[in-house]
Amino acid sequence: MVLTVLVNFNLLNHHFLPILKCLYFMCLWLFFVFIMVLCKKQ
């Protein structure tokens, strides 16, 4: 029982981490674009 939960969590982690990284980089990119737009407006 505990072993299956651990395995499932490991699989989930393995698939979930790349998604989190993608979201993180997308947020960074959007933040960068936002700053560029603000700088251009001024």
Protein backbone atom coordinates (compact mmCIF):
# COMPACT_ATOMS: atom_id res chain seq x y z
CA MET A 1 0.00 0.00 0.00
CA VAL A 2 2.61 2.56 1.06
CA LEU A 3 4.94 1.36 -1.68
CA THR A 4 2.33 1.90 -4.41
CA VAL A 5 1.65 5.40 -3.10
CA LEU A 6 5.36 6.17 -3.18
CA VAL A 7 5.68 4.83 -6.72
CA ASN A 8 2.64 6.80 -7.85
CA PHE A 9 4.01 9.93 -6.23
CA ASN A 10 7.36 9.36 -7.91
CA LEU A 11 5.70 8.99 -11.31
CA LEU A 12 3.56 12.04 -10.71
CA ASN A 13 6.62 14.01 -9.64
CA HIS A 14 8.49 12.88 -12.73
CA HIS A 15 5.71 14.12 -15.02
CA PHE A 16 4.81 17.16 -12.98
CA LEU A 17 8.25 18.75 -12.60
CA PRO A 18 8.72 19.59 -16.31
CA ILE A 19 5.29 21.25 -16.31
CA LEU A 20 6.26 23.33 -13.30
CA LYS A 21 9.50 24.33 -14.98
CA CYS A 22 7.62 25.36 -18.12
CA LEU A 23 5.21 27.46 -16.08
CA TYR A 24 8.09 29.04 -14.21
CA PHE A 25 9.90 30.00 -17.42
CA MET A 26 6.69 31.28 -18.95
CA CYS A 27 6.14 33.51 -15.91
CA LEU A 28 9.69 34.82 -16.15
CA TRP A 29 9.25 35.52 -19.86
CA LEU A 30 5.94 37.33 -19.31
CA PHE A 31 7.51 39.39 -16.53
CA PHE A 32 10.42 40.32 -18.81
CA VAL A 33 8.07 41.31 -21.65
CA PHE A 34 5.97 43.36 -19.22
CA ILE A 35 9.05 45.30 -18.06
CA MET A 36 10.15 45.87 -21.66
CA VAL A 37 6.71 47.26 -22.53
CA LEU A 38 6.74 49.54 -19.49
CA CYS A 39 10.20 50.83 -20.39
CA LYS A 40 9.14 51.52 -23.96
CA LYS A 41 6.08 53.45 -22.81
CA GLN A 42 8.25 55.78 -20.76
